[in-house]
Amino acid sequence: MILDTLNAPRRQMTEIDPALFWSSLLLLTLGLVMVYSASIAYAEGNRSFGYQSTYFLVRHGLYLAIGLVCGAAAFQVRIENWQKLAPALFLVGLFLLALVLIPGVGREVNGARRWLSLVVVNLQPSELMKLFVVLYAADYTVRKMNLMHDLQRAFLPMAAAMMLAGGLLICEPDYGAFVVIVFIAMGILFLGGLKARLFAILSGVLLTAFTFLILISPYRRARLLGFFNPWDDPFGKGYQLIASKIAFGRGEWFGVGMGASVQKLYYLPEAHTDFLLAIIGEELGFVGVLVVLFLFALLVHRVFAVGRQCVQLNRVYPALVAMGIGIWFGVQGFINMGANVGILPTKGLTLPLMSFGGSGIVVNCVALGILLRVDWENRQLMRGTTP
């Protein structure tokens, strides 16, 4: 009896998708290494603030350890329990998004109020909201499955919820998180049976509304259009993108070598967060970037494979949760990579599983724990065992 209890975690690890597990682990590990490489010069240059050369390595390692523990805890929770908690978690997310906007409560950095100070660390509610939207949108879609042809009863309530969350995010402002949660919600609704014609019309309406919001604001318009020709303002809005492109150019095929990046020496701002891929491109070259792209593609492919397996087992909610997380990682990763190479405007989004960031890396690990739980429950059902 005691041996069975001790061996249970080991048996669970052998009953999950190996490609999903190892691609995630490799991305997390490579992220830890590259965060250290990208941040060491910045940390050494800020010793007056008490930083040591390993400051960001230690903090990222700590966040990663916390994330892995939280992910392991999330793995132990049955998916049906996540479904029961989904509406309450979404309300908690809205409350935290509102709380961060209160002067004196939310912490402001570089003109954005996105963090809640927890004394030792800062909590970014928008990162939590991405996971909560996945869980809530999947639950909502399951409950409205028979009404997906009805615009008023199926889409409008979800649209109102997303507008409320989106409005709070825009007030921070955090346009990147807003775009991601809209993609998550729309993607889950479409996968849940929203009519293709209705989906196309709604997508057009959203795109028009988004374009209008950009055009009425000179600041937003400048941010969006600046990436088309960063050389128009090389020492202002275009500086970060130019520095990123120089990093990719220096890397060529095989990179300048680990730790040998020049752009991270105060030339490229946010090198260990939003522009980590540029440092990977400089130090590991085109080959290193291809490895990252392959790992992300493999991860998203396996996530959707797990979702399709859920559909075959008639497990609709777990299927939508898995695919929603796949949309989240895929869309956010694509936006971050696109901003790094200059095909998309910079949105302040980190590279999932890799970039420095406490809340982001912890929530990513929790999402991975839920994904692995979905896969594990699928395998138990296929074996005829109750998960």
Protein backbone atom coordinates (compact mmCIF):
# COMPACT_ATOMS: atom_id res chain seq x y z
CA MET A 1 0.00 0.00 0.00
CA ILE A 2 2.79 2.43 0.97
CA LEU A 3 4.83 1.50 -2.11
CA ASP A 4 1.81 2.12 -4.34
CA THR A 5 1.43 5.59 -2.84
CA LEU A 6 5.11 6.42 -3.33
CA ASN A 7 5.09 5.16 -6.91
CA ALA A 8 1.89 7.04 -7.92
CA PRO A 9 3.65 10.24 -9.09
CA ARG A 10 6.15 8.17 -11.10
CA ARG A 11 3.32 6.26 -12.80
CA GLN A 12 1.57 9.55 -13.57
CA MET A 13 4.70 10.91 -15.27
CA THR A 14 4.92 7.85 -17.53
CA GLU A 15 1.29 8.32 -18.59
CA ILE A 16 1.53 11.77 -20.17
CA ASP A 17 2.43 12.91 -23.68
CA PRO A 18 6.25 12.83 -23.86
CA ALA A 19 6.47 15.36 -26.72
CA LEU A 20 4.26 17.81 -24.81
CA PHE A 21 6.28 17.34 -21.62
CA TRP A 22 9.75 17.57 -23.14
CA SER A 23 9.04 20.47 -25.50
CA SER A 24 7.70 22.46 -22.52
CA LEU A 25 10.65 21.50 -20.31
CA LEU A 26 13.19 22.40 -23.01
CA LEU A 27 11.57 25.81 -23.57
CA LEU A 28 11.59 26.51 -19.82
CA THR A 29 15.24 25.42 -19.51
CA LEU A 30 16.42 27.37 -22.57
CA GLY A 31 14.50 30.37 -21.28
CA LEU A 32 16.32 30.21 -17.93
CA VAL A 33 19.72 30.08 -19.65
CA MET A 34 18.93 32.90 -22.09
CA VAL A 35 17.40 35.15 -19.42
CA TYR A 36 20.69 34.92 -17.53
CA SER A 37 22.73 35.60 -20.64
CA ALA A 38 20.53 38.55 -21.69
CA SER A 39 20.39 40.16 -18.24
CA ILE A 40 23.89 39.75 -16.80
CA ALA A 41 25.24 43.03 -18.21
CA TYR A 42 22.16 44.98 -17.12
CA ALA A 43 22.37 43.49 -13.61
CA GLU A 44 26.09 44.31 -13.29
CA GLY A 45 25.42 47.87 -14.45
CA ASN A 46 22.87 48.41 -11.68
CA ARG A 47 24.88 47.35 -8.65
CA SER A 48 23.89 50.61 -6.99
CA PHE A 49 20.36 49.16 -6.71
CA GLY A 50 21.73 46.09 -4.97
CA TYR A 51 21.80 43.92 -8.08
CA GLN A 52 24.41 41.20 -8.53
CA SER A 53 25.35 39.64 -11.87
CA THR A 54 23.07 36.68 -11.08
CA TYR A 55 20.16 38.82 -9.87
CA PHE A 56 17.77 38.00 -12.72
CA LEU A 57 18.95 34.39 -12.94
CA VAL A 58 18.15 33.80 -9.27
CA ARG A 59 14.78 35.53 -9.46
CA HIS A 60 13.77 33.77 -12.67
CA GLY A 61 14.93 30.45 -11.21
CA LEU A 62 12.86 31.12 -8.09
CA TYR A 63 9.78 32.02 -10.15
CA LEU A 64 10.32 28.90 -12.24
CA ALA A 65 10.59 26.71 -9.14
CA ILE A 66 7.38 28.24 -7.74
CA GLY A 67 5.72 27.76 -11.12
CA LEU A 68 6.71 24.09 -11.29
CA VAL A 69 5.33 23.49 -7.79
CA CYS A 70 2.09 25.29 -8.70
CA GLY A 71 1.93 23.36 -11.98
CA ALA A 72 2.36 20.06 -10.11
CA ALA A 73 -0.45 21.12 -7.75
CA ALA A 74 -2.68 22.07 -10.71
CA PHE A 75 -2.00 18.64 -12.22
CA GLN A 76 -3.57 17.02 -9.15
CA VAL A 77 -6.89 18.86 -9.64
CA ARG A 78 -9.55 17.08 -11.70
CA ILE A 79 -10.62 18.97 -14.80
CA GLU A 80 -14.26 18.87 -13.72
CA ASN A 81 -13.25 20.82 -10.61
CA TRP A 82 -11.58 23.47 -12.78
CA GLN A 83 -14.88 23.75 -14.65
CA LYS A 84 -16.77 24.32 -11.41
CA LEU A 85 -14.30 27.00 -10.35
CA ALA A 86 -14.18 28.77 -13.74
CA PRO A 87 -16.89 31.44 -13.18
CA ALA A 88 -15.54 32.32 -9.73
CA LEU A 89 -11.97 32.54 -11.03
CA PHE A 90 -13.10 34.85 -13.84
CA LEU A 91 -14.75 37.16 -11.28
CA VAL A 92 -11.57 37.11 -9.19
CA GLY A 93 -9.63 38.09 -12.32
CA LEU A 94 -11.96 41.04 -12.97
CA PHE A 95 -11.62 42.15 -9.35
CA LEU A 96 -7.81 42.08 -9.55
CA LEU A 97 -7.85 44.01 -12.86
CA ALA A 98 -10.00 46.68 -11.22
CA LEU A 99 -7.87 46.69 -8.07
CA VAL A 100 -4.68 47.39 -10.01
CA LEU A 101 -6.18 50.65 -11.34
CA ILE A 102 -6.71 52.14 -7.87
CA PRO A 103 -4.04 54.79 -7.13
CA GLY A 104 -1.87 53.71 -4.24
CA VAL A 105 -2.80 50.06 -4.73
CA GLY A 106 -1.63 49.32 -8.27
CA ARG A 107 2.07 49.79 -8.99
CA GLU A 108 2.99 51.98 -11.96
CA VAL A 109 6.08 51.28 -14.09
CA ASN A 110 6.97 53.21 -17.27
CA GLY A 111 3.54 54.82 -17.43
CA ALA A 112 1.60 51.55 -17.14
CA ARG A 113 -0.28 50.46 -14.03
CA ARG A 114 -0.27 46.66 -14.34
CA TRP A 115 1.09 45.30 -11.07
CA LEU A 116 -0.04 44.68 -7.50
CA SER A 117 2.73 44.83 -4.93
CA LEU A 118 2.90 41.77 -2.67
CA VAL A 119 5.90 43.22 -0.76
CA VAL A 120 8.40 40.59 -1.94
CA VAL A 121 7.13 40.22 -5.51
CA ASN A 122 4.72 41.95 -7.87
CA LEU A 123 1.58 40.23 -9.18
CA GLN A 124 0.44 41.00 -12.74
CA PRO A 125 -3.33 40.26 -12.87
CA SER A 126 -3.43 40.32 -16.69
CA GLU A 127 -1.33 37.14 -16.74
CA LEU A 128 -3.78 35.39 -14.43
CA MET A 129 -6.66 36.66 -16.56
CA LYS A 130 -5.39 34.82 -19.65
CA LEU A 131 -5.74 31.48 -17.84
CA PHE A 132 -9.04 32.45 -16.24
CA VAL A 133 -10.46 33.44 -19.65
CA VAL A 134 -9.50 30.02 -21.05
CA LEU A 135 -11.29 28.22 -18.20
CA TYR A 136 -14.32 30.52 -18.26
CA ALA A 137 -14.77 30.66 -22.05
CA ALA A 138 -14.58 26.86 -22.24
CA ASP A 139 -17.19 26.50 -19.49
CA TYR A 140 -19.43 29.15 -21.10
CA THR A 141 -19.21 27.44 -24.50
CA VAL A 142 -20.14 24.06 -23.03
CA ARG A 143 -23.17 25.58 -21.32
CA LYS A 144 -24.25 27.37 -24.53
CA MET A 145 -23.38 24.55 -26.91
CA ASN A 146 -26.93 24.18 -28.22
CA LEU A 147 -27.28 27.93 -28.81
CA MET A 148 -24.18 28.57 -30.92
CA HIS A 149 -26.35 29.56 -33.90
CA ASP A 150 -27.95 32.36 -31.89
CA LEU A 151 -26.00 35.62 -31.85
CA GLN A 152 -27.93 37.21 -29.02
CA ARG A 153 -27.92 34.26 -26.64
CA ALA A 154 -24.55 32.71 -27.47
CA PHE A 155 -22.16 35.50 -28.36
CA LEU A 156 -23.38 38.74 -26.77
CA PRO A 157 -23.03 37.64 -23.10
CA MET A 158 -19.46 36.50 -23.76
CA ALA A 159 -18.77 39.69 -25.71
CA ALA A 160 -19.99 41.75 -22.74
CA ALA A 161 -17.70 39.83 -20.37
CA MET A 162 -14.71 40.28 -22.70
CA MET A 163 -15.52 43.99 -23.16
CA LEU A 164 -15.49 44.43 -19.39
CA ALA A 165 -12.15 42.64 -19.04
CA GLY A 166 -10.80 44.39 -22.13
CA GLY A 167 -11.85 47.80 -20.88
CA LEU A 168 -9.96 47.25 -17.64
CA LEU A 169 -6.88 46.09 -19.57
CA ILE A 170 -6.98 49.12 -21.88
CA CYS A 171 -7.13 51.41 -18.83
CA GLU A 172 -3.81 49.98 -17.56
CA PRO A 173 -2.94 50.07 -20.54
CA ASP A 174 -2.10 46.51 -21.65
CA TYR A 175 -3.15 46.19 -25.29
CA GLY A 176 -1.16 43.01 -25.79
CA ALA A 177 -3.07 41.12 -23.09
CA PHE A 178 -6.32 42.51 -24.49
CA VAL A 179 -5.54 41.12 -27.95
CA VAL A 180 -4.60 37.73 -26.50
CA ILE A 181 -7.79 37.29 -24.45
CA VAL A 182 -9.94 38.30 -27.45
CA PHE A 183 -8.19 35.64 -29.56
CA ILE A 184 -8.69 33.08 -26.79
CA ALA A 185 -12.40 33.80 -26.35
CA MET A 186 -13.17 33.97 -30.07
CA GLY A 187 -11.12 30.86 -30.77
CA ILE A 188 -12.88 28.81 -28.10
CA LEU A 189 -16.30 29.97 -29.28
CA PHE A 190 -15.42 29.01 -32.86
CA LEU A 191 -14.11 25.59 -31.81
CA GLY A 192 -17.24 25.16 -29.70
CA GLY A 193 -19.52 25.44 -32.73
CA LEU A 194 -20.02 29.14 -33.48
CA LYS A 195 -21.19 29.31 -37.10
CA ALA A 196 -18.39 30.15 -39.55
CA ARG A 197 -20.42 32.91 -41.22
CA LEU A 198 -21.29 34.46 -37.87
CA PHE A 199 -17.67 34.12 -36.77
CA ALA A 200 -16.46 35.92 -39.92
CA ILE A 201 -18.94 38.78 -39.41
CA LEU A 202 -18.00 39.19 -35.75
CA SER A 203 -14.29 39.09 -36.58
CA GLY A 204 -14.84 41.88 -39.09
CA VAL A 205 -16.70 43.94 -36.52
CA LEU A 206 -13.93 43.44 -33.94
CA LEU A 207 -11.25 44.35 -36.47
CA THR A 208 -13.15 47.50 -37.42
CA ALA A 209 -13.60 48.49 -33.77
CA PHE A 210 -9.92 47.83 -33.05
CA THR A 211 -8.89 49.93 -36.05
CA PHE A 212 -11.15 52.77 -34.89
CA LEU A 213 -9.60 52.72 -31.40
CA ILE A 214 -6.18 53.02 -32.97
CA LEU A 215 -7.06 55.81 -35.41
CA ILE A 216 -8.66 58.07 -32.79
CA SER A 217 -5.53 58.01 -30.62
CA PRO A 218 -2.31 59.60 -31.98
CA TYR A 219 -0.27 57.64 -29.43
CA ARG A 220 -1.76 54.28 -30.41
CA ARG A 221 -1.50 55.16 -34.10
CA ALA A 222 2.17 56.03 -33.73
CA ARG A 223 2.86 52.78 -31.83
CA LEU A 224 1.08 50.68 -34.42
CA LEU A 225 2.49 52.29 -37.54
CA GLY A 226 5.99 52.91 -36.23
CA PHE A 227 7.19 49.38 -36.99
CA PHE A 228 6.61 49.85 -40.74
CA ASN A 229 9.62 52.16 -40.94
CA PRO A 230 11.50 52.43 -37.63
CA TRP A 231 14.15 54.59 -39.33
CA ASP A 232 11.69 57.50 -39.36
CA ASP A 233 12.44 57.87 -35.64
CA PRO A 234 15.63 55.85 -35.02
CA PHE A 235 16.28 57.31 -31.56
CA GLY A 236 12.65 57.28 -30.45
CA LYS A 237 9.82 54.90 -31.30
CA GLY A 238 11.94 52.94 -33.77
CA TYR A 239 15.00 52.51 -31.55
CA GLN A 240 14.03 49.19 -29.95
CA LEU A 241 13.11 47.53 -33.24
CA ILE A 242 16.29 48.72 -34.94
CA ALA A 243 18.39 47.32 -32.09
CA SER A 244 16.49 44.03 -32.34
CA LYS A 245 17.11 43.77 -36.09
CA ILE A 246 20.81 44.47 -35.57
CA ALA A 247 20.91 41.60 -33.06
CA PHE A 248 19.39 39.17 -35.58
CA GLY A 249 21.74 40.43 -38.27
CA ARG A 250 24.83 39.93 -36.11
CA GLY A 251 23.79 36.37 -35.29
CA GLU A 252 23.76 35.20 -38.91
CA TRP A 253 23.50 31.37 -39.14
CA PHE A 254 25.12 30.08 -35.95
CA GLY A 255 25.35 33.15 -33.71
CA VAL A 256 28.23 34.98 -32.07
CA GLY A 257 28.32 32.51 -29.18
CA MET A 258 26.61 32.18 -25.83
CA GLY A 259 27.15 35.28 -23.74
CA ALA A 260 28.83 37.24 -26.57
CA SER A 261 25.87 39.45 -27.49
CA VAL A 262 26.65 43.14 -27.96
CA GLN A 263 23.05 44.37 -28.19
CA LYS A 264 22.30 43.30 -24.62
CA LEU A 265 24.96 45.80 -23.45
CA TYR A 266 22.37 48.57 -22.97
CA TYR A 267 21.63 48.86 -26.70
CA LEU A 268 18.45 46.73 -26.67
CA PRO A 269 15.98 47.65 -23.90
CA GLU A 270 13.99 44.82 -22.28
CA ALA A 271 16.44 42.27 -23.68
CA HIS A 272 15.55 39.65 -21.04
CA THR A 273 11.78 40.18 -21.29
CA ASP A 274 10.03 41.28 -24.49
CA PHE A 275 13.08 40.93 -26.78
CA LEU A 276 14.60 37.70 -25.55
CA LEU A 277 14.26 36.13 -29.01
CA ALA A 278 16.52 38.83 -30.48
CA ILE A 279 19.30 37.86 -28.05
CA ILE A 280 18.75 34.20 -28.94
CA GLY A 281 19.11 35.19 -32.59
CA GLU A 282 22.34 37.08 -31.90
CA GLU A 283 24.01 34.49 -29.69
CA LEU A 284 22.67 31.25 -31.20
CA GLY A 285 21.95 32.50 -34.71
CA PHE A 286 19.26 31.50 -37.16
CA VAL A 287 19.66 27.88 -36.07
CA GLY A 288 18.88 28.80 -32.46
CA VAL A 289 15.77 30.71 -33.52
CA LEU A 290 14.67 27.72 -35.60
CA VAL A 291 15.03 25.46 -32.54
CA VAL A 292 12.76 27.79 -30.54
CA LEU A 293 10.22 27.91 -33.39
CA PHE A 294 10.28 24.11 -33.68
CA LEU A 295 9.72 23.63 -29.94
CA PHE A 296 6.79 26.06 -29.93
CA ALA A 297 5.29 24.44 -33.03
CA LEU A 298 5.68 20.98 -31.47
CA LEU A 299 4.12 22.18 -28.21
CA VAL A 300 1.08 23.75 -29.91
CA HIS A 301 0.68 20.72 -32.21
CA ARG A 302 0.64 18.31 -29.27
CA VAL A 303 -1.76 20.56 -27.33
CA PHE A 304 -4.28 20.43 -30.18
CA ALA A 305 -3.69 16.68 -30.53
CA VAL A 306 -4.67 16.29 -26.87
CA GLY A 307 -7.75 18.43 -27.54
CA ARG A 308 -8.77 16.28 -30.52
CA GLN A 309 -8.35 13.18 -28.38
CA CYS A 310 -10.72 14.71 -25.83
CA VAL A 311 -13.30 15.22 -28.59
CA GLN A 312 -13.03 11.55 -29.55
CA LEU A 313 -13.65 10.66 -25.91
CA ASN A 314 -16.64 13.06 -25.79
CA ARG A 315 -14.89 15.30 -23.26
CA VAL A 316 -15.89 18.72 -24.57
CA TYR A 317 -14.78 20.97 -21.70
CA PRO A 318 -11.26 19.51 -21.42
CA ALA A 319 -10.96 19.71 -25.21
CA LEU A 320 -11.79 23.42 -25.24
CA VAL A 321 -9.48 24.10 -22.29
CA ALA A 322 -6.56 22.37 -24.00
CA MET A 323 -7.15 24.10 -27.32
CA GLY A 324 -7.68 27.44 -25.57
CA ILE A 325 -4.27 27.13 -23.92
CA GLY A 326 -2.84 26.19 -27.32
CA ILE A 327 -4.36 29.35 -28.82
CA TRP A 328 -2.97 31.41 -25.94
CA PHE A 329 0.61 30.13 -26.25
CA GLY A 330 0.48 30.18 -30.06
CA VAL A 331 -0.94 33.69 -30.42
CA GLN A 332 1.20 35.27 -27.71
CA GLY A 333 4.33 33.55 -29.01
CA PHE A 334 3.57 34.67 -32.58
CA ILE A 335 2.97 38.28 -31.52
CA ASN A 336 6.19 38.39 -29.49
CA MET A 337 8.25 36.84 -32.29
CA GLY A 338 6.61 39.09 -34.87
CA ALA A 339 7.46 42.17 -32.82
CA ASN A 340 11.06 41.00 -32.45
CA VAL A 341 11.59 40.65 -36.21
CA GLY A 342 9.55 43.73 -37.13
CA ILE A 343 6.47 42.27 -38.82
CA LEU A 344 4.18 43.28 -35.92
CA PRO A 345 4.12 46.31 -33.62
CA THR A 346 5.62 45.95 -30.16
CA LYS A 347 2.84 45.11 -27.67
CA GLY A 348 4.72 44.47 -24.43
CA LEU A 349 4.06 40.73 -24.57
CA THR A 350 6.65 38.30 -23.28
CA LEU A 351 7.64 35.05 -24.97
CA PRO A 352 5.64 32.31 -23.17
CA LEU A 353 7.64 29.88 -21.01
CA MET A 354 10.90 31.72 -21.73
CA SER A 355 10.96 35.46 -20.95
CA PHE A 356 11.73 36.86 -17.52
CA GLY A 357 8.62 37.61 -15.49
CA GLY A 358 7.25 36.27 -12.25
CA SER A 359 3.50 36.15 -12.81
CA GLY A 360 3.87 35.10 -16.45
CA ILE A 361 6.15 32.12 -15.85
CA VAL A 362 4.12 30.87 -12.86
CA VAL A 363 0.81 31.07 -14.75
CA ASN A 364 2.38 29.40 -17.80
CA CYS A 365 3.47 26.49 -15.59
CA VAL A 366 -0.02 26.20 -14.08
CA ALA A 367 -1.47 26.07 -17.60
CA LEU A 368 1.00 23.31 -18.49
CA GLY A 369 -0.06 21.39 -15.36
CA ILE A 370 -3.70 21.61 -16.47
CA LEU A 371 -2.74 20.48 -19.99
CA LEU A 372 -0.86 17.47 -18.69
CA ARG A 373 -3.83 16.63 -16.46
CA VAL A 374 -6.15 16.67 -19.48
CA ASP A 375 -3.80 14.31 -21.32
CA TRP A 376 -3.42 12.06 -18.28
CA GLU A 377 -7.20 11.77 -17.81
CA ASN A 378 -7.57 10.90 -21.51
CA ARG A 379 -5.10 8.04 -21.11
CA GLN A 380 -6.87 6.76 -18.01
CA LEU A 381 -10.19 6.68 -19.85
CA MET A 382 -8.65 4.87 -22.82
CA ARG A 383 -7.34 2.26 -20.41
CA GLY A 384 -10.78 1.92 -18.90
CA THR A 385 -9.72 3.48 -15.60
CA THR A 386 -11.63 6.26 -13.87
CA PRO A 387 -9.31 9.32 -13.56
